[in-house]
Amino acid sequence: MRKRSLIIAAGALSVALAMSACAPSAPPVKSAAPTGASNDTLTIATTTDVVNYNPLIGNSRSDYWITNLMYPHLMSIADDGKKTAALATKWGYVDDTTAFYEIRTDFTWSDGEPVTSEDVAWTLNAVKKDKPSGTFYGQMAHFASAEAVSDTRIEVKLTEPDSSMIEELGFWGNVVPKHVFGKAASVATFPNDGTDGGWVGAGPYTLTNVQVGQSYTMDRVDNYPLVEGGKPLAAKVVYRVFPDVNTEILALQSGEVDVIANALPPAQVSQLEKTDGIKVQKVVGLGYAHMTYNMQKPDLAKLEVRQALAHAVDYETIRKVVLQGQAVSTGSSALMPVLSDYYDKSLKEYTFDPDMSRSLMKKAGYVEDADGNFNVSFRLIYSLQDSVTSQWAQLVKDSSAKAGITIELQGTERNTYLAMTNAGDYDIYAGNFAIMDDPVTNFVLSYLPGGAINYTYVDDPKLNDLIAKGSVTSDTKAKIAIMQDAAKIVHDQVYDNIMYTQNLNFAHRADWEGFVTRPSELLSIVSPVSVANAHKVK
């Protein structure tokens, strides 16, 4: 895709935002029934192996789950999508191009060295300089430099105003030890594989043993300030790799594992809720499933065709049959209901109306043949590893056929699917994203020219201008109004067809409790605070 930096069309951040702090210090999270540190081992199931141990590089889910237990984030997130304190206690803006973080003083690396503001500043500067692939570097478009100005304060210089960057860096970026990672020629290529004396982290657990393709064993650290008492409750955490979710479920039922890290398939939730010895916890989703229509294709550049496709989908049946009622409509809006401040109830879901679809196709100049089918077809790509999307893609094909629209399904293995996506080799892209935590960042990535996930290839001057204004607007009410206007354009022009946002379910053995839920599959009940609070019922 083309890469083009965001053009800021509005004024600078206001001084009102500049002088304010964004969050109080976070107290330790209390366990549901504290029992004190034990000798127990918490065994967690996953279906993906670890690809790399460097938290600054784009990770698989297992990479993320394991490195998150070792390397702290400045911020976490609440169930309403608002950022909360973690290593950072406060954050905000000094002026329109200067931001800051204040950090705790009670974190230490596992080798005994303190976690300092210098570690934070060095991490930020190294990521900017070395450009590791992944979300962390992807948030740094307007990052210039960071400096530790005191033992607890880091100041960040921006190249231009950006009202989202400081929270996005704080949420997505792990902090790493300068005295370890600083020895590497580049943080983008540093394997951090433990071969130089083991891993040095500052989370609740440290990786101590690896059996590739089988298991990853982590030992408790003595000091983790974000849990009551300062010490994680389970002595060890073991991630075990299974070939598929069905094998995971069997292992959970037999007691071979205590938790399944990945979300349960919707069809399995009801069964596990009725299974003795198993508990299912519900977690708020921060992402969505969607289809985008490639406007580089002449047919799909026509608004009436995109509208016809949107009205040829039976959304309610998809949510009821495929998702088993565990998903909700967003009103075909890119602003998720969980982000209650931003969500606009006035936007309504595209109706399933094959007759309307036919009228729109005819309006666009297409002619039905003797069988009632239009003289055009569309190729829809999806990942075969995504079982839910694979199911609803077939329903999209079937419902579109009722409108005389032919959908050709092309499911491929995930790497091929990603390569086709990056090359724009599709008419319709079907997929999902796990976390869309900040509306402005989401819209920058999804709907600006050159955006990393602009799979529609939209370039709408009015939309571009609204996103730019949202990026620099500090007043919350004004920012919400701007982003709601932007979401209405996306909705009305069908630049993105948001299918649903899914409520997630996670299973664990009933003899373990104390888990702390966080939104999204990536955090769910396996975030550092949750794992550190988990304990076996005595």
Protein backbone atom coordinates (compact mmCIF):
# COMPACT_ATOMS: atom_id res chain seq x y z
CA MET A 1 0.00 0.00 0.00
CA ARG A 2 0.97 3.60 -0.47
CA LYS A 3 2.32 5.31 2.64
CA ARG A 4 1.45 8.92 3.19
CA SER A 5 1.63 10.85 6.40
CA LEU A 6 -1.46 12.40 7.91
CA ILE A 7 -1.90 16.05 6.94
CA ILE A 8 -2.98 18.03 9.95
CA ALA A 9 -5.73 20.37 8.85
CA ALA A 10 -6.81 21.80 12.16
CA GLY A 11 -5.15 23.89 14.84
CA ALA A 12 -2.85 22.81 17.61
CA LEU A 13 -3.82 21.03 20.81
CA SER A 14 -5.20 23.42 23.36
CA VAL A 15 -3.27 24.45 26.44
CA ALA A 16 -6.18 23.18 28.54
CA LEU A 17 -5.31 19.61 27.57
CA ALA A 18 -1.64 20.44 27.69
CA MET A 19 -1.52 21.12 31.38
CA SER A 20 -3.76 18.27 32.51
CA ALA A 21 -2.88 14.79 33.71
CA CYS A 22 -4.91 11.85 32.47
CA ALA A 23 -5.00 9.30 35.23
CA PRO A 24 -4.36 8.75 38.92
CA SER A 25 -1.91 6.21 40.22
CA ALA A 26 -3.22 2.65 39.94
CA PRO A 27 -3.65 0.77 43.21
CA PRO A 28 -2.92 -2.94 43.23
CA VAL A 29 -5.82 -5.06 41.98
CA LYS A 30 -7.34 -7.09 44.80
CA SER A 31 -7.87 -10.79 44.26
CA ALA A 32 -11.43 -12.10 44.64
CA ALA A 33 -10.33 -14.30 47.55
CA PRO A 34 -6.66 -13.66 48.38
CA THR A 35 -4.89 -16.75 49.64
CA GLY A 36 -1.30 -15.52 49.52
CA ALA A 37 1.48 -16.83 47.35
CA SER A 38 1.35 -20.59 46.82
CA ASN A 39 3.38 -23.35 45.18
CA ASP A 40 0.67 -23.97 42.59
CA THR A 41 1.21 -24.02 38.82
CA LEU A 42 -1.33 -22.37 36.50
CA THR A 43 -1.41 -24.20 33.15
CA ILE A 44 -2.76 -22.24 30.18
CA ALA A 45 -3.65 -23.69 26.77
CA THR A 46 -2.89 -21.99 23.46
CA THR A 47 -3.08 -23.11 19.83
CA THR A 48 -0.17 -21.02 18.56
CA ASP A 49 3.54 -21.43 19.17
CA VAL A 50 5.88 -18.57 20.04
CA VAL A 51 7.43 -16.89 17.01
CA ASN A 52 9.72 -14.44 18.82
CA TYR A 53 10.46 -13.23 22.32
CA ASN A 54 11.09 -9.58 21.49
CA PRO A 55 8.03 -7.60 22.68
CA LEU A 56 8.89 -4.64 20.43
CA ILE A 57 8.21 -6.67 17.29
CA GLY A 58 4.77 -7.54 15.90
CA ASN A 59 3.74 -10.71 17.67
CA SER A 60 1.52 -13.74 17.37
CA ARG A 61 -1.01 -14.17 20.17
CA SER A 62 1.23 -16.53 22.16
CA ASP A 63 4.17 -14.15 21.79
CA TYR A 64 2.01 -11.35 23.15
CA TRP A 65 0.66 -13.37 26.06
CA ILE A 66 4.12 -14.50 27.18
CA THR A 67 6.05 -11.27 26.63
CA ASN A 68 3.27 -9.31 28.37
CA LEU A 69 3.95 -11.33 31.52
CA MET A 70 7.58 -10.13 31.40
CA TYR A 71 7.61 -6.58 30.00
CA PRO A 72 5.37 -3.87 31.46
CA HIS A 73 3.12 -1.46 29.60
CA LEU A 74 2.68 2.12 30.68
CA MET A 75 -1.11 1.71 30.54
CA SER A 76 -3.85 -0.86 30.52
CA ILE A 77 -7.51 -0.55 29.52
CA ALA A 78 -10.89 -0.72 31.25
CA ASP A 79 -14.08 -2.39 30.04
CA ASP A 80 -15.37 0.94 28.71
CA GLY A 81 -12.30 1.33 26.49
CA LYS A 82 -10.71 4.05 28.61
CA LYS A 83 -6.98 3.77 29.34
CA THR A 84 -5.94 3.04 32.92
CA ALA A 85 -2.69 3.34 34.83
CA ALA A 86 -0.07 0.56 34.92
CA LEU A 87 3.64 1.46 35.02
CA ALA A 88 2.59 5.04 34.29
CA THR A 89 0.66 6.93 36.97
CA LYS A 90 -0.12 10.07 34.97
CA TRP A 91 0.16 11.25 31.39
CA GLY A 92 -0.83 14.28 29.37
CA TYR A 93 0.47 17.24 27.37
CA VAL A 94 2.67 20.18 28.32
CA ASP A 95 1.89 22.00 25.08
CA ASP A 96 0.74 21.12 21.58
CA THR A 97 3.92 19.19 20.70
CA THR A 98 5.19 18.08 24.12
CA ALA A 99 3.69 15.21 26.10
CA PHE A 100 4.70 13.45 29.31
CA TYR A 101 4.47 10.28 31.36
CA GLU A 102 4.97 9.99 35.12
CA ILE A 103 5.91 6.48 36.26
CA ARG A 104 5.92 4.42 39.44
CA THR A 105 9.13 3.97 41.42
CA ASP A 106 8.46 0.46 42.79
CA PHE A 107 9.05 -1.66 39.66
CA THR A 108 12.28 -3.66 39.36
CA TRP A 109 13.74 -5.81 36.61
CA SER A 110 14.13 -9.49 37.45
CA ASP A 111 17.91 -9.06 37.76
CA GLY A 112 17.41 -6.54 40.59
CA GLU A 113 17.90 -3.33 38.59
CA PRO A 114 15.18 -0.68 39.06
CA VAL A 115 12.83 0.21 36.22
CA THR A 116 13.54 3.88 35.52
CA SER A 117 12.31 6.73 33.38
CA GLU A 118 15.52 6.22 31.37
CA ASP A 119 14.30 2.72 30.40
CA VAL A 120 11.04 4.22 29.12
CA ALA A 121 12.70 7.03 27.16
CA TRP A 122 15.33 4.69 25.72
CA THR A 123 12.67 2.17 24.61
CA LEU A 124 10.66 4.85 22.81
CA ASN A 125 13.73 6.30 21.07
CA ALA A 126 15.06 2.87 20.07
CA VAL A 127 11.74 1.83 18.52
CA LYS A 128 11.60 5.07 16.55
CA LYS A 129 15.21 4.68 15.37
CA ASP A 130 15.20 0.97 14.50
CA LYS A 131 11.62 0.68 13.17
CA PRO A 132 10.66 -2.83 14.34
CA SER A 133 7.62 -4.21 12.56
CA GLY A 134 4.37 -4.12 14.50
CA THR A 135 1.85 -1.93 16.27
CA PHE A 136 4.28 -0.14 18.61
CA TYR A 137 6.28 1.51 15.82
CA GLY A 138 3.06 1.96 13.86
CA GLN A 139 1.85 4.47 16.47
CA MET A 140 4.94 6.71 16.06
CA ALA A 141 4.09 8.75 12.97
CA HIS A 142 4.37 12.01 14.92
CA PHE A 143 6.93 10.92 17.54
CA ALA A 144 10.18 12.92 17.50
CA SER A 145 12.04 11.96 20.68
CA ALA A 146 11.73 11.11 24.37
CA GLU A 147 13.82 12.31 27.31
CA ALA A 148 13.94 11.26 30.95
CA VAL A 149 13.81 14.67 32.64
CA SER A 150 13.67 13.23 36.18
CA ASP A 151 13.68 9.86 37.90
CA THR A 152 9.94 9.53 37.35
CA ARG A 153 9.12 11.78 34.38
CA ILE A 154 9.54 11.28 30.64
CA GLU A 155 8.83 14.08 28.17
CA VAL A 156 7.97 13.24 24.58
CA LYS A 157 8.42 15.62 21.67
CA LEU A 158 5.98 15.38 18.76
CA THR A 159 6.68 16.48 15.19
CA GLU A 160 3.12 17.85 15.02
CA PRO A 161 0.05 17.81 17.27
CA ASP A 162 -1.48 14.38 17.86
CA SER A 163 -4.06 13.98 20.63
CA SER A 164 -4.10 10.16 20.48
CA MET A 165 -0.44 9.19 20.28
CA ILE A 166 0.53 9.41 23.95
CA GLU A 167 -2.20 6.98 25.05
CA GLU A 168 -1.67 4.63 22.11
CA LEU A 169 2.08 4.36 22.75
CA GLY A 170 1.38 3.82 26.44
CA PHE A 171 -1.13 1.07 25.77
CA TRP A 172 0.51 -0.81 22.89
CA GLY A 173 4.19 -0.46 23.72
CA ASN A 174 6.11 -2.64 26.18
CA VAL A 175 8.98 -1.10 28.14
CA VAL A 176 12.25 -3.07 27.95
CA PRO A 177 15.45 -2.85 30.05
CA LYS A 178 17.99 -0.51 28.48
CA HIS A 179 20.88 -2.38 30.10
CA VAL A 180 19.86 -5.58 28.24
CA PHE A 181 18.35 -4.44 24.93
CA GLY A 182 20.89 -1.62 24.62
CA LYS A 183 23.61 -4.18 23.89
CA ALA A 184 21.90 -5.13 20.63
CA ALA A 185 22.80 -3.46 17.35
CA SER A 186 19.08 -2.97 16.66
CA VAL A 187 15.93 -3.65 18.68
CA ALA A 188 14.27 -4.57 15.37
CA THR A 189 16.51 -7.63 14.95
CA PHE A 190 17.35 -8.50 18.57
CA PRO A 191 16.07 -12.09 19.13
CA ASN A 192 15.86 -11.80 22.93
CA ASP A 193 15.81 -15.60 22.98
CA GLY A 194 17.39 -16.07 26.40
CA THR A 195 20.66 -17.45 25.07
CA ASP A 196 22.73 -14.66 26.65
CA GLY A 197 21.96 -15.60 30.25
CA GLY A 198 18.18 -15.75 30.37
CA TRP A 199 15.37 -13.25 30.20
CA VAL A 200 15.26 -10.02 32.22
CA GLY A 201 11.73 -8.68 32.70
CA ALA A 202 9.63 -6.63 35.11
CA GLY A 203 6.29 -8.38 34.89
CA PRO A 204 4.80 -10.90 37.30
CA TYR A 205 6.60 -13.87 35.69
CA THR A 206 9.88 -14.59 33.91
CA LEU A 207 10.38 -17.21 31.21
CA THR A 208 12.68 -19.98 32.43
CA ASN A 209 12.16 -23.00 30.19
CA VAL A 210 11.16 -23.46 26.55
CA GLN A 211 10.17 -26.65 24.75
CA VAL A 212 9.39 -25.44 21.26
CA GLY A 213 6.02 -26.61 20.01
CA GLN A 214 5.14 -27.99 23.44
CA SER A 215 5.38 -25.66 26.42
CA TYR A 216 6.73 -22.42 27.90
CA THR A 217 7.39 -22.34 31.64
CA MET A 218 7.49 -19.08 33.59
CA ASP A 219 8.52 -18.57 37.23
CA ARG A 220 7.07 -16.03 39.65
CA VAL A 221 9.02 -12.88 40.47
CA ASP A 222 9.24 -11.64 44.05
CA ASN A 223 8.09 -8.09 43.34
CA TYR A 224 5.10 -7.15 41.21
CA PRO A 225 3.47 -3.96 42.56
CA LEU A 226 0.23 -4.27 40.59
CA VAL A 227 -1.01 -7.23 42.66
CA GLU A 228 -2.07 -7.00 46.29
CA GLY A 229 0.83 -7.99 48.53
CA GLY A 230 3.30 -7.36 45.72
CA LYS A 231 3.77 -11.04 44.84
CA PRO A 232 1.94 -13.11 42.20
CA LEU A 233 -0.09 -15.92 43.74
CA ALA A 234 0.80 -18.89 41.53
CA ALA A 235 4.43 -20.03 41.67
CA LYS A 236 4.58 -20.99 38.00
CA VAL A 237 2.70 -20.39 34.78
CA VAL A 238 2.99 -22.92 31.96
CA TYR A 239 1.67 -22.24 28.48
CA ARG A 240 1.01 -25.50 26.63
CA VAL A 241 0.56 -25.68 22.86
CA PHE A 242 -2.32 -27.71 21.42
CA PRO A 243 -3.16 -28.39 17.77
CA ASP A 244 -6.68 -26.93 17.90
CA VAL A 245 -9.39 -25.59 20.19
CA ASN A 246 -11.20 -28.94 20.44
CA THR A 247 -8.07 -30.54 21.88
CA GLU A 248 -7.76 -27.61 24.29
CA ILE A 249 -11.32 -28.16 25.49
CA LEU A 250 -10.70 -31.85 26.09
CA ALA A 251 -7.58 -30.96 28.08
CA LEU A 252 -9.56 -28.45 30.16
CA GLN A 253 -12.30 -30.96 30.88
CA SER A 254 -9.79 -33.60 31.98
CA GLY A 255 -7.93 -31.15 34.23
CA GLU A 256 -4.79 -31.29 32.11
CA VAL A 257 -4.93 -27.48 31.78
CA ASP A 258 -6.54 -24.82 33.96
CA VAL A 259 -7.32 -22.08 31.42
CA ILE A 260 -7.85 -21.71 27.68
CA ALA A 261 -6.22 -18.46 26.58
CA ASN A 262 -8.03 -18.02 23.28
CA ALA A 263 -11.74 -17.19 23.03
CA LEU A 264 -14.11 -20.10 22.79
CA PRO A 265 -15.86 -20.83 19.49
CA PRO A 266 -19.48 -19.66 19.91
CA ALA A 267 -20.86 -23.17 19.38
CA GLN A 268 -18.85 -24.49 22.38
CA VAL A 269 -19.91 -21.90 24.95
CA SER A 270 -23.29 -23.36 25.95
CA GLN A 271 -21.82 -26.85 26.39
CA LEU A 272 -18.98 -25.64 28.63
CA GLU A 273 -21.30 -23.47 30.71
CA LYS A 274 -23.14 -26.68 31.64
CA THR A 275 -19.98 -28.73 32.32
CA ASP A 276 -19.19 -29.52 35.95
CA GLY A 277 -15.85 -28.17 37.09
CA ILE A 278 -15.69 -25.51 34.34
CA LYS A 279 -16.47 -21.81 34.52
CA VAL A 280 -17.02 -19.53 31.54
CA GLN A 281 -16.23 -15.83 31.88
CA LYS A 282 -17.60 -13.20 29.53
CA VAL A 283 -15.26 -10.47 28.26
CA VAL A 284 -16.10 -7.31 26.38
CA GLY A 285 -14.91 -7.27 22.77
CA LEU A 286 -13.06 -4.23 21.43
CA GLY A 287 -12.90 -5.35 17.84
CA TYR A 288 -15.24 -6.17 15.00
CA ALA A 289 -15.81 -8.39 12.00
CA HIS A 290 -16.21 -6.63 8.68
CA MET A 291 -16.19 -6.74 4.91
CA THR A 292 -14.54 -4.08 2.79
CA TYR A 293 -15.10 -3.52 -0.90
CA ASN A 294 -12.00 -2.82 -2.99
CA MET A 295 -12.72 0.50 -4.70
CA GLN A 296 -9.74 0.01 -7.01
CA LYS A 297 -12.10 -2.31 -8.86
CA PRO A 298 -14.33 -0.27 -11.23
CA ASP A 299 -17.53 -2.06 -10.24
CA LEU A 300 -16.91 -1.48 -6.54
CA ALA A 301 -16.00 2.17 -7.05
CA LYS A 302 -19.74 2.71 -7.62
CA LEU A 303 -21.63 3.65 -4.46
CA GLU A 304 -24.80 1.87 -5.60
CA VAL A 305 -22.90 -1.42 -5.94
CA ARG A 306 -21.43 -1.15 -2.44
CA GLN A 307 -24.88 -0.31 -1.11
CA ALA A 308 -26.38 -3.27 -2.97
CA LEU A 309 -23.81 -5.61 -1.46
CA ALA A 310 -24.42 -4.18 2.03
CA HIS A 311 -28.18 -4.74 1.72
CA ALA A 312 -27.66 -8.31 0.46
CA VAL A 313 -26.34 -9.60 3.81
CA ASP A 314 -28.55 -11.19 6.46
CA TYR A 315 -26.73 -9.83 9.50
CA GLU A 316 -29.18 -11.08 12.12
CA THR A 317 -28.99 -14.66 10.84
CA ILE A 318 -25.18 -14.50 10.90
CA ARG A 319 -25.20 -13.35 14.52
CA LYS A 320 -27.83 -15.88 15.53
CA VAL A 321 -26.61 -18.95 13.65
CA VAL A 322 -22.83 -18.53 13.41
CA LEU A 323 -22.21 -16.48 16.56
CA GLN A 324 -24.90 -18.25 18.60
CA GLY A 325 -26.22 -14.89 19.77
CA GLN A 326 -22.83 -13.89 21.20
CA ALA A 327 -22.40 -10.85 18.97
CA VAL A 328 -24.23 -7.55 18.67
CA SER A 329 -24.83 -5.05 15.89
CA THR A 330 -22.82 -1.85 15.83
CA GLY A 331 -25.42 -0.17 13.63
CA SER A 332 -23.02 -0.79 10.74
CA SER A 333 -20.81 1.81 12.45
CA ALA A 334 -17.04 1.75 12.86
CA LEU A 335 -17.50 3.22 16.36
CA MET A 336 -17.98 0.31 18.76
CA PRO A 337 -20.81 0.33 21.33
CA VAL A 338 -18.30 -0.38 24.11
CA LEU A 339 -16.81 3.07 23.43
CA SER A 340 -19.96 4.59 24.90
CA ASP A 341 -18.78 8.21 24.69
CA TYR A 342 -18.29 7.92 20.93
CA TYR A 343 -21.01 5.49 19.92
CA ASP A 344 -23.74 7.06 17.77
CA LYS A 345 -27.11 5.32 18.15
CA SER A 346 -28.54 7.28 15.22
CA LEU A 347 -26.60 5.12 12.76
CA LYS A 348 -28.68 2.09 11.80
CA GLU A 349 -27.57 -1.27 10.49
CA TYR A 350 -27.91 -1.86 6.76
CA THR A 351 -31.20 -3.72 6.28
CA PHE A 352 -31.22 -7.13 4.63
CA ASP A 353 -33.35 -6.35 1.58
CA PRO A 354 -32.66 -8.34 -1.62
CA ASP A 355 -35.23 -6.29 -3.54
CA MET A 356 -33.45 -3.06 -2.60
CA SER A 357 -30.15 -4.65 -3.66
CA ARG A 358 -31.63 -5.51 -7.07
CA SER A 359 -32.91 -1.96 -7.53
CA LEU A 360 -29.50 -0.53 -6.63
CA MET A 361 -27.70 -2.85 -9.06
CA LYS A 362 -30.07 -1.83 -11.85
CA LYS A 363 -29.54 1.83 -10.96
CA ALA A 364 -25.80 1.22 -11.32
CA GLY A 365 -26.38 -0.08 -14.87
CA TYR A 366 -26.34 -3.86 -14.42
CA VAL A 367 -28.75 -6.15 -16.22
CA GLU A 368 -30.32 -9.39 -14.98
CA ASP A 369 -30.09 -12.53 -17.10
CA ALA A 370 -32.91 -15.03 -17.62
CA ASP A 371 -32.20 -16.55 -14.20
CA GLY A 372 -32.36 -13.19 -12.43
CA ASN A 373 -28.61 -12.90 -11.93
CA PHE A 374 -26.59 -9.80 -12.73
CA ASN A 375 -23.74 -9.86 -15.23
CA VAL A 376 -21.02 -9.37 -12.61
CA SER A 377 -19.43 -11.40 -9.80
CA PHE A 378 -17.24 -10.55 -6.80
CA ARG A 379 -14.40 -12.58 -5.28
CA LEU A 380 -14.43 -12.64 -1.46
CA ILE A 381 -11.25 -13.69 0.37
CA TYR A 382 -10.99 -15.01 3.92
CA SER A 383 -8.68 -17.10 6.10
CA LEU A 384 -9.49 -20.79 6.43
CA GLN A 385 -7.97 -20.67 9.92
CA ASP A 386 -10.76 -18.27 10.95
CA SER A 387 -13.62 -20.71 11.49
CA VAL A 388 -16.23 -18.07 12.30
CA THR A 389 -15.55 -15.95 9.20
CA SER A 390 -15.43 -19.11 7.10
CA GLN A 391 -18.99 -19.88 8.21
CA TRP A 392 -20.49 -16.45 7.68
CA ALA A 393 -18.76 -16.01 4.32
CA GLN A 394 -20.91 -18.87 3.04
CA LEU A 395 -24.04 -17.17 4.40
CA VAL A 396 -23.03 -13.94 2.65
CA LYS A 397 -22.74 -15.86 -0.61
CA ASP A 398 -26.15 -17.47 -0.10
CA SER A 399 -28.00 -14.28 0.86
CA SER A 400 -26.37 -12.29 -1.96
CA ALA A 401 -27.59 -14.91 -4.43
CA LYS A 402 -31.16 -13.98 -3.44
CA ALA A 403 -30.41 -10.50 -4.79
CA GLY A 404 -28.96 -11.88 -8.02
CA ILE A 405 -25.39 -11.05 -6.94
CA THR A 406 -22.76 -13.74 -7.41
CA ILE A 407 -20.10 -14.06 -4.69
CA GLU A 408 -17.12 -16.32 -5.40
CA LEU A 409 -15.55 -17.54 -2.15
CA GLN A 410 -11.77 -17.86 -1.94
CA GLY A 411 -10.66 -19.22 1.41
CA THR A 412 -6.89 -19.70 1.79
CA GLU A 413 -4.41 -20.53 4.53
CA ARG A 414 -3.58 -17.49 6.63
CA ASN A 415 -0.21 -16.48 5.15
CA THR A 416 -1.63 -16.56 1.61
CA TYR A 417 -4.65 -14.58 2.79
CA LEU A 418 -2.41 -11.91 4.33
CA ALA A 419 -0.28 -11.70 1.18
CA MET A 420 -3.40 -11.30 -0.98
CA THR A 421 -4.70 -8.64 1.39
CA ASN A 422 -1.46 -6.65 1.26
CA ALA A 423 -1.44 -6.88 -2.55
CA GLY A 424 -5.07 -5.77 -2.90
CA ASP A 425 -5.79 -9.09 -4.61
CA TYR A 426 -9.52 -9.29 -3.84
CA ASP A 427 -12.87 -7.73 -4.58
CA ILE A 428 -14.18 -8.19 -1.05
CA TYR A 429 -12.00 -8.63 2.04
CA ALA A 430 -13.59 -10.49 4.97
CA GLY A 431 -11.91 -10.57 8.35
CA ASN A 432 -11.77 -9.08 11.82
CA PHE A 433 -9.64 -7.04 14.18
CA ALA A 434 -9.17 -7.83 17.86
CA ILE A 435 -8.65 -4.34 19.29
CA MET A 436 -9.83 -0.98 17.97
CA ASP A 437 -9.31 0.95 21.18
CA ASP A 438 -9.00 4.54 19.93
CA PRO A 439 -11.42 5.94 17.32
CA VAL A 440 -8.97 8.40 15.78
CA THR A 441 -6.20 5.82 15.46
CA ASN A 442 -8.66 3.31 14.02
CA PHE A 443 -9.82 5.80 11.38
CA VAL A 444 -6.26 6.86 10.52
CA LEU A 445 -5.31 3.24 9.87
CA SER A 446 -8.57 2.25 8.16
CA TYR A 447 -9.68 5.20 6.07
CA LEU A 448 -6.79 7.52 5.25
CA PRO A 449 -4.87 7.04 1.99
CA GLY A 450 -1.96 4.72 2.73
CA GLY A 451 -3.51 3.55 6.01
CA ALA A 452 -2.16 0.14 6.98
CA ILE A 453 -5.64 -1.41 6.98
CA ASN A 454 -7.35 0.80 4.38
CA TYR A 455 -8.57 -2.25 2.49
CA THR A 456 -11.25 -0.25 0.64
CA TYR A 457 -8.58 2.16 -0.68
CA VAL A 458 -10.82 5.07 0.23
CA ASP A 459 -9.53 8.61 -0.37
CA ASP A 460 -12.37 10.95 0.57
CA PRO A 461 -11.25 14.58 1.09
CA LYS A 462 -14.06 15.37 3.52
CA LEU A 463 -13.36 12.23 5.55
CA ASN A 464 -9.62 12.91 5.47
CA ASP A 465 -10.22 16.39 6.83
CA LEU A 466 -12.42 15.16 9.69
CA ILE A 467 -9.86 12.53 10.71
CA ALA A 468 -7.13 15.18 10.66
CA LYS A 469 -9.22 17.48 12.85
CA GLY A 470 -9.98 14.64 15.24
CA SER A 471 -6.27 13.93 15.54
CA VAL A 472 -5.49 17.36 16.97
CA THR A 473 -8.69 18.24 18.80
CA SER A 474 -8.23 18.19 22.55
CA ASP A 475 -11.73 19.00 23.72
CA THR A 476 -13.50 15.68 24.30
CA LYS A 477 -16.98 16.77 23.22
CA ALA A 478 -15.66 18.38 20.05
CA LYS A 479 -13.58 15.30 19.27
CA ILE A 480 -16.55 12.99 19.73
CA ALA A 481 -18.69 15.11 17.39
CA ILE A 482 -15.96 15.09 14.73
CA MET A 483 -15.50 11.34 14.85
CA GLN A 484 -19.24 10.73 14.76
CA ASP A 485 -19.40 12.82 11.58
CA ALA A 486 -16.54 10.75 10.15
CA ALA A 487 -18.31 7.50 11.09
CA LYS A 488 -21.47 8.70 9.32
CA ILE A 489 -19.52 9.22 6.08
CA VAL A 490 -18.02 5.73 6.34
CA HIS A 491 -21.49 4.31 6.99
CA ASP A 492 -23.35 6.22 4.27
CA GLN A 493 -20.68 5.68 1.61
CA VAL A 494 -20.21 2.01 2.64
CA TYR A 495 -16.45 2.45 2.94
CA ASP A 496 -16.56 -0.37 5.48
CA ASN A 497 -19.30 -2.89 6.21
CA ILE A 498 -19.09 -3.59 9.94
CA MET A 499 -20.88 -6.89 10.57
CA TYR A 500 -20.86 -7.10 14.37
CA THR A 501 -18.80 -6.82 17.50
CA GLN A 502 -18.44 -10.09 19.35
CA ASN A 503 -18.85 -10.71 23.05
CA LEU A 504 -16.04 -13.09 24.01
CA ASN A 505 -16.13 -16.10 26.30
CA PHE A 506 -13.19 -17.73 28.09
CA ALA A 507 -13.11 -20.98 30.04
CA HIS A 508 -11.16 -22.04 33.11
CA ARG A 509 -11.31 -24.74 35.74
CA ALA A 510 -13.69 -23.94 38.60
CA ASP A 511 -10.98 -24.67 41.15
CA TRP A 512 -9.12 -21.55 39.99
CA GLU A 513 -10.44 -18.07 40.65
CA GLY A 514 -9.30 -14.47 41.05
CA PHE A 515 -9.10 -13.74 37.32
CA VAL A 516 -9.51 -10.09 36.34
CA THR A 517 -11.25 -9.47 33.02
CA ARG A 518 -9.98 -6.97 30.47
CA PRO A 519 -11.58 -6.26 27.07
CA SER A 520 -10.38 -8.11 23.96
CA GLU A 521 -9.01 -11.59 23.32
CA LEU A 522 -5.42 -10.40 23.75
CA LEU A 523 -5.99 -9.32 27.36
CA SER A 524 -9.19 -11.16 28.43
CA ILE A 525 -8.33 -13.22 31.55
CA VAL A 526 -4.64 -13.68 30.70
CA SER A 527 -3.43 -10.11 31.19
CA PRO A 528 -0.51 -9.75 33.65
CA VAL A 529 -2.72 -8.52 36.50
CA SER A 530 -5.23 -11.31 35.94
CA VAL A 531 -2.64 -14.10 35.82
CA ALA A 532 -0.86 -12.66 38.87
CA ASN A 533 -4.14 -12.70 40.84
CA ALA A 534 -5.25 -16.21 39.80
CA HIS A 535 -5.18 -18.73 42.62
CA LYS A 536 -6.36 -22.24 43.30
CA VAL A 537 -9.32 -22.66 45.60
CA LYS A 538 -8.23 -24.46 48.74
